Amino acid sequence: MNRLLLACGLLLSIAASGCHSGLVEQSVPLADVLAGPYALRLSVNPKSASPGEHVTVAVEFENTGTATLWIPRRQEICLSYEQDGAGNGHLPPSACDGLRFVKVSPGKTVRYENDFGVPAGNGNVKLFLLNRPDVSVPLEVKKSAPPVHPSLEPRKKDGSLPSAGR
């Protein structure tokens, strides 16, 4: 039952984009999804960015068991985040052609790379899959300097602004 809830939660909470060729996609019973031992790893590149910039979040599933493992395909991955002092959010799944899963042989790894837009607000971000908050990766959000009002800019000796001497 726990695996079924985990699989359903992953399907409802993982968002990704792009194509990954060579993977076998198939409909399988939800009870078979993530039913064996596996390792889940997340990484982010770059590790710090300003609000509005985009970073790449890598999601890796490794089959650590001895039998076939079925994992969510890229379109059904839902990336979630929490931001210091600003609450949380998630990118909804982008699949619209039914639930399908990817077959991973024992000892093999599947890696998805997802685009993530850094949210506005103060505070660092913790990225994770919605139903796997135990596996997360931090993203440092650079604080952007507030704009300087022209009346506060340093002036030349003659009192003019540095940019006024066109």
N, C-alpha and C. Protein backbone atom coordinates (compact mmCIF):
# COMPACT_ATOMS: atom_id res chain seq x y z
N MET A 1 0.83 -1.19 0.00
CA MET A 1 0.00 0.00 0.00
C MET A 1 0.86 1.25 0.00
N ASN A 2 1.96 1.24 0.82
CA ASN A 2 2.85 2.39 0.85
C ASN A 2 3.46 2.66 -0.51
N ARG A 3 3.86 1.60 -1.22
CA ARG A 3 4.46 1.76 -2.54
C ARG A 3 3.46 2.35 -3.52
N LEU A 4 2.21 1.93 -3.40
CA LEU A 4 1.17 2.45 -4.28
C LEU A 4 0.96 3.93 -4.02
N LEU A 5 0.92 4.34 -2.75
CA LEU A 5 0.76 5.76 -2.42
C LEU A 5 1.97 6.55 -2.89
N LEU A 6 3.16 6.00 -2.69
CA LEU A 6 4.37 6.67 -3.15
C LEU A 6 4.36 6.84 -4.66
N ALA A 7 4.00 5.80 -5.38
CA ALA A 7 3.96 5.88 -6.85
C ALA A 7 2.93 6.90 -7.29
N CYS A 8 1.75 6.89 -6.67
CA CYS A 8 0.71 7.86 -7.04
C CYS A 8 1.18 9.27 -6.74
N GLY A 9 1.82 9.46 -5.58
CA GLY A 9 2.33 10.78 -5.22
C GLY A 9 3.39 11.25 -6.18
N LEU A 10 4.29 10.37 -6.57
CA LEU A 10 5.31 10.74 -7.54
C LEU A 10 4.68 11.15 -8.86
N LEU A 11 3.68 10.42 -9.27
CA LEU A 11 3.03 10.73 -10.53
C LEU A 11 2.33 12.08 -10.48
N LEU A 12 1.82 12.43 -9.34
CA LEU A 12 1.11 13.69 -9.21
C LEU A 12 2.03 14.85 -8.93
N SER A 13 3.32 14.58 -8.67
CA SER A 13 4.17 15.66 -8.21
C SER A 13 5.50 15.80 -8.90
N ILE A 14 5.71 15.25 -10.09
CA ILE A 14 7.01 15.34 -10.75
C ILE A 14 6.84 15.96 -12.13
N ALA A 15 7.52 17.04 -12.40
CA ALA A 15 7.39 17.69 -13.69
C ALA A 15 8.74 17.71 -14.39
N ALA A 16 8.76 17.42 -15.66
CA ALA A 16 10.00 17.42 -16.42
C ALA A 16 9.69 17.76 -17.86
N SER A 17 10.72 18.07 -18.59
CA SER A 17 10.51 18.38 -19.99
C SER A 17 11.62 17.76 -20.83
N GLY A 18 11.43 17.72 -22.12
CA GLY A 18 12.44 17.20 -23.02
C GLY A 18 12.18 15.76 -23.42
N CYS A 19 13.09 15.21 -24.23
CA CYS A 19 12.94 13.85 -24.72
C CYS A 19 14.11 13.00 -24.26
N HIS A 20 13.89 11.74 -24.10
CA HIS A 20 14.94 10.80 -23.74
C HIS A 20 14.70 9.55 -24.56
N SER A 21 15.52 9.34 -25.57
CA SER A 21 15.29 8.22 -26.47
C SER A 21 15.86 6.94 -25.89
N GLY A 22 15.37 5.82 -26.38
CA GLY A 22 15.90 4.53 -25.99
C GLY A 22 15.25 3.91 -24.77
N LEU A 23 14.35 4.61 -24.09
CA LEU A 23 13.69 4.06 -22.92
C LEU A 23 12.40 3.38 -23.34
N VAL A 24 12.11 2.24 -22.72
CA VAL A 24 10.89 1.50 -23.00
C VAL A 24 9.80 2.05 -22.09
N GLU A 25 8.74 2.63 -22.69
CA GLU A 25 7.61 3.14 -21.93
C GLU A 25 6.46 2.16 -22.07
N GLN A 26 5.76 1.92 -20.97
CA GLN A 26 4.69 0.94 -20.99
C GLN A 26 3.71 1.24 -19.86
N SER A 27 2.46 0.84 -20.05
CA SER A 27 1.48 0.90 -18.97
C SER A 27 1.66 -0.34 -18.12
N VAL A 28 1.75 -0.15 -16.81
CA VAL A 28 1.87 -1.27 -15.88
C VAL A 28 0.97 -0.97 -14.67
N PRO A 29 0.59 -1.99 -13.92
CA PRO A 29 -0.21 -1.73 -12.71
C PRO A 29 0.56 -0.84 -11.74
N LEU A 30 -0.14 0.10 -11.10
CA LEU A 30 0.52 1.02 -10.16
C LEU A 30 1.25 0.27 -9.05
N ALA A 31 0.77 -0.89 -8.68
CA ALA A 31 1.43 -1.67 -7.63
C ALA A 31 2.84 -2.10 -8.04
N ASP A 32 3.13 -2.12 -9.35
CA ASP A 32 4.45 -2.53 -9.84
C ASP A 32 5.43 -1.36 -9.94
N VAL A 33 4.95 -0.13 -9.77
CA VAL A 33 5.80 1.06 -9.92
C VAL A 33 6.61 1.28 -8.65
N LEU A 34 7.92 1.42 -8.80
CA LEU A 34 8.85 1.60 -7.68
C LEU A 34 8.66 0.51 -6.62
N ALA A 35 8.40 -0.72 -7.09
CA ALA A 35 8.11 -1.83 -6.19
C ALA A 35 9.36 -2.54 -5.68
N GLY A 36 10.51 -2.24 -6.22
CA GLY A 36 11.74 -2.88 -5.77
C GLY A 36 12.68 -1.88 -5.16
N PRO A 37 13.81 -2.34 -4.69
CA PRO A 37 14.79 -1.41 -4.12
C PRO A 37 15.37 -0.51 -5.21
N TYR A 38 15.53 0.76 -4.85
CA TYR A 38 16.12 1.71 -5.79
C TYR A 38 16.77 2.85 -5.03
N ALA A 39 17.70 3.53 -5.70
CA ALA A 39 18.32 4.73 -5.15
C ALA A 39 17.80 5.92 -5.96
N LEU A 40 17.51 7.01 -5.26
CA LEU A 40 17.05 8.24 -5.89
C LEU A 40 18.06 9.32 -5.55
N ARG A 41 18.56 10.00 -6.59
CA ARG A 41 19.54 11.07 -6.39
C ARG A 41 19.08 12.32 -7.14
N LEU A 42 19.30 13.46 -6.52
CA LEU A 42 19.01 14.75 -7.15
C LEU A 42 20.27 15.60 -7.13
N SER A 43 20.44 16.41 -8.18
CA SER A 43 21.53 17.39 -8.19
C SER A 43 21.03 18.61 -8.94
N VAL A 44 21.68 19.75 -8.70
CA VAL A 44 21.29 21.00 -9.35
C VAL A 44 22.54 21.68 -9.90
N ASN A 45 22.40 22.30 -11.08
CA ASN A 45 23.52 22.99 -11.71
C ASN A 45 23.00 24.23 -12.43
N PRO A 46 23.50 25.41 -12.14
CA PRO A 46 24.47 25.73 -11.09
C PRO A 46 23.84 25.63 -9.72
N LYS A 47 24.66 25.67 -8.70
CA LYS A 47 24.19 25.50 -7.33
C LYS A 47 23.64 26.79 -6.73
N SER A 48 23.81 27.91 -7.43
CA SER A 48 23.24 29.17 -6.97
C SER A 48 22.80 29.98 -8.19
N ALA A 49 21.70 30.71 -8.03
CA ALA A 49 21.15 31.51 -9.14
C ALA A 49 20.25 32.60 -8.56
N SER A 50 19.97 33.58 -9.37
CA SER A 50 19.10 34.68 -8.97
C SER A 50 17.66 34.37 -9.37
N PRO A 51 16.68 35.01 -8.69
CA PRO A 51 15.28 34.82 -9.07
C PRO A 51 15.08 35.12 -10.56
N GLY A 52 14.31 34.27 -11.23
CA GLY A 52 14.05 34.42 -12.65
C GLY A 52 15.01 33.66 -13.54
N GLU A 53 16.19 33.31 -13.03
CA GLU A 53 17.14 32.51 -13.80
C GLU A 53 16.68 31.05 -13.79
N HIS A 54 17.25 30.24 -14.68
CA HIS A 54 16.89 28.83 -14.76
C HIS A 54 18.11 27.98 -14.41
N VAL A 55 17.86 26.88 -13.70
CA VAL A 55 18.89 25.92 -13.37
C VAL A 55 18.43 24.56 -13.88
N THR A 56 19.35 23.62 -13.95
CA THR A 56 19.04 22.25 -14.36
C THR A 56 19.04 21.35 -13.13
N VAL A 57 17.94 20.65 -12.94
CA VAL A 57 17.83 19.70 -11.83
C VAL A 57 17.87 18.30 -12.44
N ALA A 58 18.84 17.50 -12.02
CA ALA A 58 18.95 16.11 -12.49
C ALA A 58 18.29 15.19 -11.48
N VAL A 59 17.47 14.27 -11.99
CA VAL A 59 16.78 13.27 -11.17
C VAL A 59 17.27 11.91 -11.67
N GLU A 60 17.87 11.13 -10.78
CA GLU A 60 18.39 9.81 -11.15
C GLU A 60 17.71 8.72 -10.33
N PHE A 61 17.24 7.70 -11.04
CA PHE A 61 16.72 6.49 -10.41
C PHE A 61 17.68 5.37 -10.75
N GLU A 62 18.20 4.67 -9.74
CA GLU A 62 19.07 3.52 -9.96
C GLU A 62 18.38 2.28 -9.41
N ASN A 63 18.29 1.24 -10.23
CA ASN A 63 17.72 -0.02 -9.79
C ASN A 63 18.79 -0.76 -9.00
N THR A 64 18.62 -0.84 -7.69
CA THR A 64 19.60 -1.51 -6.82
C THR A 64 19.18 -2.94 -6.49
N GLY A 65 18.10 -3.40 -7.10
CA GLY A 65 17.61 -4.76 -6.85
C GLY A 65 18.05 -5.74 -7.91
N THR A 66 17.39 -6.89 -7.91
CA THR A 66 17.74 -7.97 -8.85
C THR A 66 16.65 -8.22 -9.87
N ALA A 67 15.55 -7.45 -9.80
CA ALA A 67 14.45 -7.61 -10.75
C ALA A 67 14.21 -6.27 -11.46
N THR A 68 13.43 -6.32 -12.52
CA THR A 68 13.08 -5.10 -13.26
C THR A 68 12.38 -4.12 -12.34
N LEU A 69 12.71 -2.84 -12.50
CA LEU A 69 12.08 -1.76 -11.74
C LEU A 69 11.35 -0.86 -12.72
N TRP A 70 10.12 -0.51 -12.41
CA TRP A 70 9.36 0.44 -13.23
C TRP A 70 9.35 1.78 -12.51
N ILE A 71 9.75 2.82 -13.23
CA ILE A 71 9.81 4.17 -12.63
C ILE A 71 8.92 5.11 -13.44
N PRO A 72 8.54 6.25 -12.86
CA PRO A 72 7.78 7.23 -13.63
C PRO A 72 8.63 7.72 -14.80
N ARG A 73 7.99 7.98 -15.92
CA ARG A 73 8.73 8.56 -17.04
C ARG A 73 8.88 10.05 -16.79
N ARG A 74 9.69 10.69 -17.59
CA ARG A 74 10.03 12.09 -17.40
C ARG A 74 8.79 12.98 -17.25
N GLN A 75 7.79 12.77 -18.08
CA GLN A 75 6.61 13.64 -18.07
C GLN A 75 5.80 13.51 -16.78
N GLU A 76 6.03 12.47 -16.00
CA GLU A 76 5.25 12.25 -14.79
C GLU A 76 6.03 12.56 -13.52
N ILE A 77 7.19 13.16 -13.69
CA ILE A 77 8.00 13.56 -12.54
C ILE A 77 7.52 14.95 -12.09
N CYS A 78 7.26 15.11 -10.80
CA CYS A 78 6.81 16.40 -10.26
C CYS A 78 7.85 16.93 -9.29
N LEU A 79 8.52 17.97 -9.70
CA LEU A 79 9.56 18.59 -8.90
C LEU A 79 8.90 19.60 -7.98
N SER A 80 9.19 19.50 -6.69
CA SER A 80 8.62 20.40 -5.70
C SER A 80 9.74 21.20 -5.04
N TYR A 81 9.35 22.28 -4.37
CA TYR A 81 10.36 23.06 -3.66
C TYR A 81 9.76 23.73 -2.43
N GLU A 82 10.64 24.04 -1.49
CA GLU A 82 10.31 24.86 -0.33
C GLU A 82 11.32 25.98 -0.31
N GLN A 83 10.85 27.17 -0.01
CA GLN A 83 11.74 28.32 0.04
C GLN A 83 11.67 28.93 1.43
N ASP A 84 12.84 29.25 2.00
CA ASP A 84 12.90 29.87 3.32
C ASP A 84 11.98 31.07 3.36
N GLY A 85 11.04 31.06 4.27
CA GLY A 85 10.19 32.21 4.48
C GLY A 85 9.17 32.49 3.40
N ALA A 86 9.10 31.67 2.35
CA ALA A 86 8.17 31.98 1.25
C ALA A 86 7.25 30.81 0.91
N GLY A 87 7.18 29.80 1.75
CA GLY A 87 6.29 28.68 1.46
C GLY A 87 6.90 27.71 0.47
N ASN A 88 6.01 27.09 -0.33
CA ASN A 88 6.49 26.08 -1.26
C ASN A 88 5.64 26.07 -2.52
N GLY A 89 6.02 25.21 -3.45
CA GLY A 89 5.29 25.07 -4.70
C GLY A 89 5.76 23.84 -5.42
N HIS A 90 5.15 23.56 -6.56
CA HIS A 90 5.60 22.43 -7.37
C HIS A 90 5.24 22.68 -8.83
N LEU A 91 5.98 21.99 -9.66
CA LEU A 91 5.73 22.03 -11.09
C LEU A 91 4.86 20.83 -11.41
N PRO A 92 3.66 21.03 -11.93
CA PRO A 92 2.76 19.89 -12.16
C PRO A 92 3.26 18.97 -13.27
N PRO A 93 2.84 17.71 -13.24
CA PRO A 93 3.22 16.77 -14.30
C PRO A 93 2.76 17.29 -15.66
N SER A 94 3.49 16.93 -16.70
CA SER A 94 3.15 17.42 -18.03
C SER A 94 2.64 16.32 -18.96
N ALA A 95 2.39 15.13 -18.44
CA ALA A 95 1.91 14.03 -19.29
C ALA A 95 0.42 14.20 -19.58
N CYS A 96 0.05 14.00 -20.82
CA CYS A 96 -1.37 14.08 -21.16
C CYS A 96 -1.79 12.90 -22.04
N ASP A 97 -0.96 11.85 -22.06
CA ASP A 97 -1.29 10.69 -22.89
C ASP A 97 -1.43 9.42 -22.06
N GLY A 98 -1.82 9.58 -20.80
CA GLY A 98 -2.01 8.42 -19.94
C GLY A 98 -0.77 8.12 -19.13
N LEU A 99 -0.95 7.35 -18.08
CA LEU A 99 0.17 6.97 -17.22
C LEU A 99 0.98 5.87 -17.86
N ARG A 100 2.26 6.14 -18.03
CA ARG A 100 3.18 5.16 -18.59
C ARG A 100 4.45 5.20 -17.76
N PHE A 101 5.20 4.11 -17.78
CA PHE A 101 6.35 3.99 -16.92
C PHE A 101 7.55 3.49 -17.72
N VAL A 102 8.73 3.66 -17.15
CA VAL A 102 9.98 3.29 -17.81
C VAL A 102 10.58 2.09 -17.10
N LYS A 103 11.01 1.12 -17.90
CA LYS A 103 11.60 -0.13 -17.41
C LYS A 103 13.09 0.08 -17.17
N VAL A 104 13.55 -0.28 -15.96
CA VAL A 104 14.97 -0.14 -15.61
C VAL A 104 15.48 -1.52 -15.15
N SER A 105 16.47 -2.02 -15.84
CA SER A 105 17.06 -3.32 -15.51
C SER A 105 17.91 -3.22 -14.24
N PRO A 106 18.13 -4.36 -13.55
CA PRO A 106 18.97 -4.35 -12.35
C PRO A 106 20.35 -3.73 -12.63
N GLY A 107 20.79 -2.88 -11.71
CA GLY A 107 22.10 -2.24 -11.84
C GLY A 107 22.15 -1.05 -12.78
N LYS A 108 21.07 -0.76 -13.46
CA LYS A 108 21.03 0.35 -14.42
C LYS A 108 20.44 1.60 -13.79
N THR A 109 20.76 2.75 -14.40
CA THR A 109 20.32 4.06 -13.91
C THR A 109 19.64 4.82 -15.04
N VAL A 110 18.57 5.53 -14.71
CA VAL A 110 17.92 6.44 -15.65
C VAL A 110 18.04 7.83 -15.06
N ARG A 111 18.47 8.77 -15.89
CA ARG A 111 18.68 10.16 -15.45
C ARG A 111 17.82 11.08 -16.31
N TYR A 112 17.05 11.93 -15.65
CA TYR A 112 16.26 12.95 -16.33
C TYR A 112 16.84 14.31 -15.93
N GLU A 113 16.89 15.23 -16.88
CA GLU A 113 17.29 16.60 -16.56
C GLU A 113 16.10 17.51 -16.79
N ASN A 114 15.81 18.32 -15.78
CA ASN A 114 14.63 19.17 -15.77
C ASN A 114 15.03 20.63 -15.59
N ASP A 115 14.33 21.49 -16.27
CA ASP A 115 14.53 22.93 -16.15
C ASP A 115 13.73 23.45 -14.97
N PHE A 116 14.32 24.29 -14.14
CA PHE A 116 13.63 24.86 -12.98
C PHE A 116 13.88 26.35 -12.95
N GLY A 117 12.81 27.14 -12.97
CA GLY A 117 12.90 28.59 -12.85
C GLY A 117 12.98 28.98 -11.39
N VAL A 118 14.03 29.71 -11.03
CA VAL A 118 14.23 30.12 -9.64
C VAL A 118 13.13 31.10 -9.24
N PRO A 119 12.38 30.78 -8.16
CA PRO A 119 11.27 31.64 -7.76
C PRO A 119 11.76 32.95 -7.14
N ALA A 120 10.91 33.97 -7.21
CA ALA A 120 11.20 35.24 -6.57
C ALA A 120 11.07 35.05 -5.06
N GLY A 121 11.64 35.93 -4.32
CA GLY A 121 11.53 35.86 -2.87
C GLY A 121 12.90 35.70 -2.25
N ASN A 122 12.93 35.95 -0.98
CA ASN A 122 14.19 35.83 -0.24
C ASN A 122 14.28 34.44 0.36
N GLY A 123 15.44 33.90 0.40
CA GLY A 123 15.65 32.61 1.03
C GLY A 123 16.04 31.54 0.04
N ASN A 124 16.82 30.60 0.53
CA ASN A 124 17.27 29.50 -0.30
C ASN A 124 16.13 28.52 -0.56
N VAL A 125 16.33 27.67 -1.56
CA VAL A 125 15.31 26.74 -2.00
C VAL A 125 15.80 25.31 -1.76
N LYS A 126 14.89 24.45 -1.30
CA LYS A 126 15.15 23.01 -1.19
C LYS A 126 14.29 22.35 -2.25
N LEU A 127 14.94 21.65 -3.20
CA LEU A 127 14.24 20.95 -4.28
C LEU A 127 14.11 19.48 -3.94
N PHE A 128 12.94 18.89 -4.25
CA PHE A 128 12.69 17.48 -3.97
C PHE A 128 11.53 17.00 -4.83
N LEU A 129 11.34 15.68 -4.89
CA LEU A 129 10.16 15.11 -5.52
C LEU A 129 9.05 15.14 -4.47
N LEU A 130 7.84 15.45 -4.89
CA LEU A 130 6.75 15.73 -3.96
C LEU A 130 6.62 14.71 -2.83
N ASN A 131 6.59 13.43 -3.15
CA ASN A 131 6.41 12.43 -2.10
C ASN A 131 7.72 11.83 -1.61
N ARG A 132 8.83 12.46 -1.95
CA ARG A 132 10.14 12.03 -1.45
C ARG A 132 10.92 13.23 -0.91
N PRO A 133 10.35 13.96 0.07
CA PRO A 133 11.08 15.11 0.61
C PRO A 133 12.33 14.71 1.38
N ASP A 134 12.48 13.41 1.65
CA ASP A 134 13.68 12.92 2.33
C ASP A 134 14.91 12.97 1.43
N VAL A 135 14.72 13.10 0.12
CA VAL A 135 15.83 13.23 -0.83
C VAL A 135 15.69 14.61 -1.45
N SER A 136 16.63 15.49 -1.11
CA SER A 136 16.51 16.87 -1.58
C SER A 136 17.88 17.41 -1.96
N VAL A 137 17.86 18.55 -2.63
CA VAL A 137 19.09 19.23 -3.02
C VAL A 137 18.86 20.73 -2.78
N PRO A 138 19.85 21.42 -2.17
CA PRO A 138 19.67 22.85 -1.92
C PRO A 138 20.05 23.69 -3.13
N LEU A 139 19.38 24.81 -3.26
CA LEU A 139 19.69 25.81 -4.29
C LEU A 139 19.83 27.15 -3.59
N GLU A 140 21.00 27.75 -3.70
CA GLU A 140 21.24 29.07 -3.09
C GLU A 140 20.63 30.13 -4.01
N VAL A 141 19.73 30.93 -3.47
CA VAL A 141 19.12 32.01 -4.24
C VAL A 141 19.89 33.28 -3.94
N LYS A 142 20.53 33.83 -4.99
CA LYS A 142 21.31 35.06 -4.83
C LYS A 142 20.35 36.22 -4.62
N LYS A 143 20.68 37.04 -3.68
CA LYS A 143 19.86 38.23 -3.45
C LYS A 143 20.30 39.29 -4.44
N SER A 144 19.34 39.83 -5.18
CA SER A 144 19.68 40.87 -6.14
C SER A 144 19.67 42.20 -5.41
N ALA A 145 20.62 43.05 -5.77
CA ALA A 145 20.72 44.38 -5.15
C ALA A 145 19.54 45.23 -5.59
N PRO A 146 18.95 45.97 -4.65
CA PRO A 146 17.84 46.84 -5.05
C PRO A 146 18.35 47.94 -5.97
N PRO A 147 17.50 48.42 -6.88
CA PRO A 147 17.93 49.49 -7.78
C PRO A 147 18.25 50.75 -6.99
N VAL A 148 19.26 51.47 -7.46
CA VAL A 148 19.67 52.72 -6.80
C VAL A 148 18.91 53.87 -7.45
N HIS A 149 18.26 54.65 -6.61
CA HIS A 149 17.54 55.82 -7.11
C HIS A 149 18.57 56.84 -7.60
N PRO A 150 18.32 57.50 -8.75
CA PRO A 150 19.30 58.46 -9.29
C PRO A 150 19.73 59.52 -8.28
N SER A 151 18.86 59.92 -7.39
CA SER A 151 19.24 60.97 -6.43
C SER A 151 20.26 60.46 -5.42
N LEU A 152 20.43 59.12 -5.32
CA LEU A 152 21.38 58.54 -4.37
C LEU A 152 22.69 58.12 -5.03
N GLU A 153 22.79 58.24 -6.35
CA GLU A 153 24.02 57.86 -7.04
C GLU A 153 25.14 58.82 -6.67
N PRO A 154 26.37 58.32 -6.59
CA PRO A 154 27.49 59.23 -6.32
C PRO A 154 27.62 60.24 -7.46
N ARG A 155 27.95 61.45 -7.11
CA ARG A 155 28.05 62.53 -8.11
C ARG A 155 29.50 62.94 -8.32
N LYS A 156 29.74 63.54 -9.49
CA LYS A 156 31.05 64.10 -9.80
C LYS A 156 31.25 65.37 -8.97
N LYS A 157 32.47 65.89 -8.97
CA LYS A 157 32.77 67.11 -8.21
C LYS A 157 31.91 68.28 -8.64
N ASP A 158 31.51 68.32 -9.93
CA ASP A 158 30.68 69.43 -10.41
C ASP A 158 29.20 69.21 -10.10
N GLY A 159 28.87 68.10 -9.41
CA GLY A 159 27.49 67.83 -9.02
C GLY A 159 26.69 67.03 -10.04
N SER A 160 27.26 66.75 -11.21
CA SER A 160 26.53 65.97 -12.23
C SER A 160 26.66 64.48 -11.95
N LEU A 161 25.70 63.75 -12.50
CA LEU A 161 25.75 62.29 -12.38
C LEU A 161 26.79 61.74 -13.34
N PRO A 162 27.43 60.63 -13.00
CA PRO A 162 28.44 60.04 -13.89
C PRO A 162 27.91 59.75 -15.29
N SER A 163 26.65 59.38 -15.40
CA SER A 163 26.10 59.06 -16.71
C SER A 163 25.53 60.28 -17.44
N ALA A 164 25.56 61.42 -16.80
CA ALA A 164 24.97 62.63 -17.40
C ALA A 164 25.91 63.30 -18.39
N GLY A 165 27.15 62.94 -18.48
CA GLY A 165 28.10 63.62 -19.36
C GLY A 165 28.14 63.07 -20.76
N ARG A 166 27.03 62.88 -21.39
CA ARG A 166 26.95 62.27 -22.72
C ARG A 166 27.61 63.10 -23.71
